[in-house]
Amino acid sequence: MRTTFRGHQGFVIVMRFLSMPGPFCRDCGLATFRSMTSRTLVQGWYGWASFLITPITVLLNLVRRGKVAGLSAPQPNPFGPSRPPMDPGPRLLQRPMTIIGLAIPLALIVLIAFLASQGG
């Protein structure tokens, strides 16, 4: 299936958009989705615009993941040599990097709420 998974890296002043286009089999698509999304959750929050772009990027990847996950298991090429599919690895929420990435905006929201309650 032809699709593109996206990533985002936010820096204080600038940001960087990443993409991984391709025709993906189920396993390669899931591996790419999990890697790009996990990295985006850790690296994407650091900037004003990035704080809004990161969740949008993750949602777009979730939609594309649904399409790739519905594919059948990869089969060897009957017409010649082919390389083995990528290992999808652990599920997204079973990756420590993902948990850290999800904790970052939560910690920022708690910090802002705490500082707001102390200002008064």
N, C-alpha and C. Protein backbone atom coordinates (compact mmCIF):
# COMPACT_ATOMS: atom_id res chain seq x y z
N MET A 1 0.84 -1.17 0.00
CA MET A 1 0.00 0.00 0.00
C MET A 1 0.89 1.24 0.00
N ARG A 2 0.55 2.18 -0.82
CA ARG A 2 1.32 3.43 -0.91
C ARG A 2 0.73 4.44 0.07
N THR A 3 1.57 4.91 0.99
CA THR A 3 1.19 5.94 1.95
C THR A 3 2.45 6.63 2.44
N THR A 4 2.28 7.64 3.26
CA THR A 4 3.42 8.37 3.82
C THR A 4 3.20 8.56 5.31
N PHE A 5 4.17 8.13 6.09
CA PHE A 5 4.14 8.39 7.52
C PHE A 5 4.95 9.65 7.79
N ARG A 6 4.51 10.44 8.75
CA ARG A 6 5.12 11.74 9.01
C ARG A 6 5.72 11.78 10.41
N GLY A 7 6.67 12.68 10.56
CA GLY A 7 7.29 12.93 11.84
C GLY A 7 7.48 14.42 12.01
N HIS A 8 7.70 14.84 13.24
CA HIS A 8 7.89 16.26 13.51
C HIS A 8 8.92 16.42 14.62
N GLN A 9 9.84 17.35 14.42
CA GLN A 9 10.80 17.71 15.45
C GLN A 9 10.66 19.20 15.70
N GLY A 10 10.34 19.53 16.92
CA GLY A 10 10.19 20.93 17.29
C GLY A 10 11.42 21.40 18.04
N PHE A 11 11.90 22.53 17.65
CA PHE A 11 13.00 23.19 18.36
C PHE A 11 12.45 24.52 18.85
N VAL A 12 13.12 25.18 19.73
CA VAL A 12 12.59 26.40 20.33
C VAL A 12 12.23 27.43 19.28
N ILE A 13 13.08 27.61 18.28
CA ILE A 13 12.84 28.65 17.28
C ILE A 13 12.38 28.07 15.94
N VAL A 14 12.95 26.96 15.53
CA VAL A 14 12.61 26.36 14.23
C VAL A 14 12.00 24.99 14.44
N MET A 15 11.52 24.40 13.36
CA MET A 15 10.97 23.05 13.43
C MET A 15 11.37 22.30 12.17
N ARG A 16 11.25 20.99 12.22
CA ARG A 16 11.60 20.16 11.07
C ARG A 16 10.51 19.13 10.85
N PHE A 17 10.06 19.04 9.60
CA PHE A 17 9.05 18.06 9.22
C PHE A 17 9.75 16.88 8.56
N LEU A 18 9.37 15.68 8.95
CA LEU A 18 9.95 14.46 8.42
C LEU A 18 8.87 13.68 7.69
N SER A 19 9.26 12.90 6.70
CA SER A 19 8.29 12.03 6.03
C SER A 19 9.00 10.77 5.55
N MET A 20 8.26 9.68 5.53
CA MET A 20 8.76 8.41 5.04
C MET A 20 7.71 7.84 4.08
N PRO A 21 7.83 8.20 2.79
CA PRO A 21 6.87 7.69 1.81
C PRO A 21 7.25 6.29 1.36
N GLY A 22 6.27 5.61 0.85
CA GLY A 22 6.62 4.33 0.24
C GLY A 22 5.44 3.42 0.07
N PRO A 23 5.66 2.43 -0.72
CA PRO A 23 4.71 1.33 -0.69
C PRO A 23 5.12 0.44 0.49
N PHE A 24 4.21 0.19 1.40
CA PHE A 24 4.51 -0.59 2.60
C PHE A 24 3.71 -1.87 2.62
N CYS A 25 4.36 -2.95 3.03
CA CYS A 25 3.61 -4.14 3.41
C CYS A 25 3.13 -3.90 4.84
N ARG A 26 2.37 -4.81 5.37
CA ARG A 26 1.83 -4.61 6.72
C ARG A 26 2.94 -4.43 7.75
N ASP A 27 3.92 -5.32 7.76
CA ASP A 27 4.95 -5.28 8.79
C ASP A 27 5.85 -4.05 8.66
N CYS A 28 6.23 -3.72 7.44
CA CYS A 28 7.09 -2.54 7.23
C CYS A 28 6.32 -1.25 7.57
N GLY A 29 5.04 -1.21 7.24
CA GLY A 29 4.23 -0.05 7.56
C GLY A 29 4.07 0.13 9.06
N LEU A 30 3.83 -0.96 9.78
CA LEU A 30 3.69 -0.87 11.23
C LEU A 30 5.01 -0.46 11.88
N ALA A 31 6.13 -1.02 11.40
CA ALA A 31 7.43 -0.65 11.94
C ALA A 31 7.71 0.84 11.73
N THR A 32 7.41 1.33 10.54
CA THR A 32 7.64 2.75 10.23
C THR A 32 6.72 3.63 11.06
N PHE A 33 5.46 3.27 11.16
CA PHE A 33 4.50 4.03 11.97
C PHE A 33 4.98 4.12 13.42
N ARG A 34 5.35 3.00 13.99
CA ARG A 34 5.74 2.98 15.40
C ARG A 34 7.01 3.80 15.64
N SER A 35 7.97 3.69 14.77
CA SER A 35 9.22 4.43 14.92
C SER A 35 9.00 5.94 14.76
N MET A 36 8.34 6.34 13.68
CA MET A 36 8.13 7.77 13.41
C MET A 36 7.25 8.42 14.49
N THR A 37 6.20 7.73 14.90
CA THR A 37 5.27 8.30 15.88
C THR A 37 5.92 8.39 17.25
N SER A 38 6.65 7.37 17.64
CA SER A 38 7.32 7.40 18.93
C SER A 38 8.35 8.53 19.00
N ARG A 39 9.14 8.68 17.95
CA ARG A 39 10.12 9.76 17.91
C ARG A 39 9.43 11.13 17.91
N THR A 40 8.32 11.26 17.20
CA THR A 40 7.59 12.52 17.17
C THR A 40 7.08 12.88 18.55
N LEU A 41 6.60 11.89 19.30
CA LEU A 41 6.08 12.16 20.64
C LEU A 41 7.17 12.66 21.59
N VAL A 42 8.41 12.27 21.36
CA VAL A 42 9.50 12.75 22.21
C VAL A 42 10.08 14.06 21.70
N GLN A 43 10.25 14.18 20.40
CA GLN A 43 10.97 15.30 19.82
C GLN A 43 10.09 16.43 19.31
N GLY A 44 8.79 16.27 19.34
CA GLY A 44 7.94 17.22 18.65
C GLY A 44 7.37 18.37 19.44
N TRP A 45 7.52 18.40 20.73
CA TRP A 45 6.78 19.36 21.56
C TRP A 45 7.47 20.70 21.77
N TYR A 46 8.69 20.89 21.34
CA TYR A 46 9.52 21.99 21.81
C TYR A 46 9.42 23.23 20.93
N GLY A 47 8.32 23.91 21.03
CA GLY A 47 8.08 25.16 20.30
C GLY A 47 6.59 25.45 20.34
N TRP A 48 6.23 26.73 20.17
CA TRP A 48 4.81 27.10 20.25
C TRP A 48 3.99 26.42 19.18
N ALA A 49 4.40 26.53 17.93
CA ALA A 49 3.65 25.89 16.85
C ALA A 49 3.77 24.38 16.93
N SER A 50 4.92 23.90 17.36
CA SER A 50 5.14 22.46 17.45
C SER A 50 4.21 21.82 18.46
N PHE A 51 3.83 22.56 19.48
CA PHE A 51 2.92 22.01 20.49
C PHE A 51 1.55 21.71 19.88
N LEU A 52 1.21 22.37 18.78
CA LEU A 52 -0.04 22.09 18.07
C LEU A 52 0.17 21.11 16.92
N ILE A 53 1.31 21.17 16.28
CA ILE A 53 1.58 20.33 15.11
C ILE A 53 1.80 18.87 15.50
N THR A 54 2.43 18.63 16.64
CA THR A 54 2.73 17.26 17.06
C THR A 54 1.49 16.39 17.18
N PRO A 55 0.43 16.81 17.88
CA PRO A 55 -0.75 15.94 17.96
C PRO A 55 -1.41 15.72 16.60
N ILE A 56 -1.36 16.71 15.73
CA ILE A 56 -1.94 16.54 14.39
C ILE A 56 -1.15 15.50 13.61
N THR A 57 0.17 15.55 13.72
CA THR A 57 1.03 14.58 13.05
C THR A 57 0.74 13.17 13.56
N VAL A 58 0.59 13.02 14.86
CA VAL A 58 0.30 11.71 15.45
C VAL A 58 -1.06 11.20 14.96
N LEU A 59 -2.06 12.06 14.92
CA LEU A 59 -3.38 11.65 14.44
C LEU A 59 -3.35 11.21 12.97
N LEU A 60 -2.62 11.95 12.14
CA LEU A 60 -2.49 11.55 10.73
C LEU A 60 -1.82 10.18 10.62
N ASN A 61 -0.81 9.94 11.42
CA ASN A 61 -0.15 8.64 11.39
C ASN A 61 -1.08 7.53 11.87
N LEU A 62 -1.92 7.82 12.85
CA LEU A 62 -2.87 6.80 13.33
C LEU A 62 -3.85 6.39 12.23
N VAL A 63 -4.30 7.36 11.45
CA VAL A 63 -5.21 7.04 10.33
C VAL A 63 -4.50 6.15 9.32
N ARG A 64 -3.28 6.51 8.99
CA ARG A 64 -2.52 5.72 8.00
C ARG A 64 -2.17 4.35 8.56
N ARG A 65 -1.93 4.26 9.84
CA ARG A 65 -1.65 2.97 10.47
C ARG A 65 -2.84 2.03 10.33
N GLY A 66 -4.03 2.57 10.48
CA GLY A 66 -5.23 1.74 10.33
C GLY A 66 -5.32 1.10 8.97
N LYS A 67 -4.92 1.83 7.95
CA LYS A 67 -4.96 1.29 6.58
C LYS A 67 -3.91 0.21 6.39
N VAL A 68 -2.72 0.44 6.91
CA VAL A 68 -1.62 -0.52 6.76
C VAL A 68 -1.88 -1.78 7.59
N ALA A 69 -2.43 -1.61 8.79
CA ALA A 69 -2.65 -2.75 9.68
C ALA A 69 -3.68 -3.72 9.10
N GLY A 70 -4.54 -3.25 8.23
CA GLY A 70 -5.55 -4.10 7.62
C GLY A 70 -5.04 -4.96 6.47
N LEU A 71 -3.79 -4.77 6.08
CA LEU A 71 -3.22 -5.57 4.99
C LEU A 71 -2.95 -6.99 5.46
N SER A 72 -2.88 -7.91 4.52
CA SER A 72 -2.54 -9.29 4.87
C SER A 72 -1.05 -9.40 5.16
N ALA A 73 -0.65 -10.52 5.72
CA ALA A 73 0.76 -10.74 6.06
C ALA A 73 1.61 -10.69 4.79
N PRO A 74 2.83 -10.17 4.89
CA PRO A 74 3.68 -10.08 3.71
C PRO A 74 4.06 -11.46 3.16
N GLN A 75 4.14 -11.55 1.85
CA GLN A 75 4.49 -12.80 1.17
C GLN A 75 5.77 -12.58 0.37
N PRO A 76 6.58 -13.62 0.20
CA PRO A 76 7.77 -13.46 -0.63
C PRO A 76 7.38 -13.18 -2.08
N ASN A 77 8.24 -12.47 -2.78
CA ASN A 77 8.01 -12.15 -4.18
C ASN A 77 8.12 -13.43 -5.01
N PRO A 78 7.06 -13.81 -5.74
CA PRO A 78 7.13 -15.06 -6.52
C PRO A 78 7.97 -14.92 -7.79
N PHE A 79 8.34 -13.69 -8.16
CA PHE A 79 9.04 -13.45 -9.42
C PHE A 79 10.54 -13.22 -9.24
N GLY A 80 11.04 -13.32 -8.05
CA GLY A 80 12.46 -13.10 -7.85
C GLY A 80 12.78 -12.86 -6.39
N PRO A 81 14.02 -12.49 -6.13
CA PRO A 81 14.42 -12.27 -4.74
C PRO A 81 13.73 -11.05 -4.14
N SER A 82 13.52 -11.13 -2.87
CA SER A 82 12.94 -10.00 -2.14
C SER A 82 13.58 -9.96 -0.76
N ARG A 83 13.56 -8.80 -0.15
CA ARG A 83 14.13 -8.71 1.19
C ARG A 83 13.04 -9.01 2.20
N PRO A 84 13.43 -9.47 3.37
CA PRO A 84 12.42 -9.78 4.40
C PRO A 84 11.78 -8.50 4.92
N PRO A 85 10.54 -8.58 5.40
CA PRO A 85 9.89 -7.38 5.95
C PRO A 85 10.57 -6.94 7.24
N MET A 86 10.37 -5.68 7.57
CA MET A 86 10.91 -5.13 8.82
C MET A 86 10.19 -5.74 10.01
N ASP A 87 10.88 -5.79 11.13
CA ASP A 87 10.26 -6.25 12.37
C ASP A 87 9.49 -5.08 12.97
N PRO A 88 8.16 -5.20 13.13
CA PRO A 88 7.39 -4.08 13.68
C PRO A 88 7.79 -3.71 15.11
N GLY A 89 8.37 -4.63 15.85
CA GLY A 89 8.78 -4.35 17.22
C GLY A 89 7.59 -4.23 18.15
N PRO A 90 7.84 -3.75 19.36
CA PRO A 90 6.75 -3.63 20.33
C PRO A 90 5.69 -2.63 19.87
N ARG A 91 4.49 -2.82 20.35
CA ARG A 91 3.40 -1.88 20.06
C ARG A 91 3.80 -0.48 20.54
N LEU A 92 3.13 0.53 20.00
CA LEU A 92 3.48 1.91 20.28
C LEU A 92 3.47 2.22 21.77
N LEU A 93 2.43 1.82 22.49
CA LEU A 93 2.32 2.14 23.91
C LEU A 93 3.16 1.23 24.80
N GLN A 94 3.88 0.28 24.20
CA GLN A 94 4.78 -0.57 24.97
C GLN A 94 6.24 -0.12 24.83
N ARG A 95 6.45 0.99 24.17
CA ARG A 95 7.80 1.54 23.98
C ARG A 95 8.06 2.61 25.03
N PRO A 96 9.16 2.50 25.77
CA PRO A 96 9.46 3.51 26.79
C PRO A 96 9.53 4.93 26.22
N MET A 97 10.06 5.08 25.01
CA MET A 97 10.18 6.40 24.41
C MET A 97 8.79 7.02 24.21
N THR A 98 7.80 6.21 23.86
CA THR A 98 6.44 6.72 23.67
C THR A 98 5.86 7.21 24.99
N ILE A 99 6.07 6.46 26.05
CA ILE A 99 5.55 6.86 27.37
C ILE A 99 6.18 8.18 27.80
N ILE A 100 7.48 8.33 27.58
CA ILE A 100 8.15 9.60 27.90
C ILE A 100 7.56 10.72 27.05
N GLY A 101 7.35 10.43 25.77
CA GLY A 101 6.78 11.44 24.87
C GLY A 101 5.38 11.87 25.26
N LEU A 102 4.59 10.95 25.78
CA LEU A 102 3.24 11.30 26.23
C LEU A 102 3.27 12.05 27.56
N ALA A 103 4.30 11.82 28.37
CA ALA A 103 4.42 12.49 29.66
C ALA A 103 4.84 13.95 29.52
N ILE A 104 5.53 14.28 28.43
CA ILE A 104 6.03 15.66 28.25
C ILE A 104 4.89 16.68 28.24
N PRO A 105 3.87 16.56 27.38
CA PRO A 105 2.81 17.58 27.41
C PRO A 105 2.01 17.54 28.71
N LEU A 106 1.85 16.35 29.28
CA LEU A 106 1.14 16.26 30.56
C LEU A 106 1.90 17.02 31.65
N ALA A 107 3.20 16.85 31.69
CA ALA A 107 4.02 17.57 32.68
C ALA A 107 3.95 19.08 32.46
N LEU A 108 3.96 19.51 31.21
CA LEU A 108 3.86 20.94 30.92
C LEU A 108 2.51 21.52 31.36
N ILE A 109 1.46 20.78 31.13
CA ILE A 109 0.12 21.24 31.54
C ILE A 109 0.03 21.33 33.06
N VAL A 110 0.56 20.32 33.76
CA VAL A 110 0.56 20.34 35.22
C VAL A 110 1.39 21.51 35.74
N LEU A 111 2.55 21.76 35.13
CA LEU A 111 3.40 22.87 35.53
C LEU A 111 2.70 24.21 35.32
N ILE A 112 2.07 24.38 34.19
CA ILE A 112 1.35 25.63 33.90
C ILE A 112 0.20 25.83 34.89
N ALA A 113 -0.54 24.76 35.17
CA ALA A 113 -1.65 24.86 36.13
C ALA A 113 -1.12 25.21 37.53
N PHE A 114 -0.01 24.60 37.91
CA PHE A 114 0.57 24.90 39.22
C PHE A 114 1.03 26.36 39.30
N LEU A 115 1.73 26.80 38.27
CA LEU A 115 2.20 28.19 38.26
C LEU A 115 1.03 29.19 38.25
N ALA A 116 -0.03 28.85 37.53
CA ALA A 116 -1.20 29.72 37.50
C ALA A 116 -1.86 29.80 38.86
N SER A 117 -1.89 28.68 39.58
CA SER A 117 -2.53 28.69 40.91
C SER A 117 -1.68 29.44 41.94
N GLN A 118 -0.37 29.54 41.71
CA GLN A 118 0.53 30.23 42.64
C GLN A 118 0.57 31.72 42.41
N GLY A 119 0.11 32.16 41.23
CA GLY A 119 0.22 33.58 40.88
C GLY A 119 -0.76 34.47 41.60
N GLY A 120 -1.79 33.93 42.15
CA GLY A 120 -2.85 34.74 42.61
C GLY A 120 -2.93 35.31 43.92
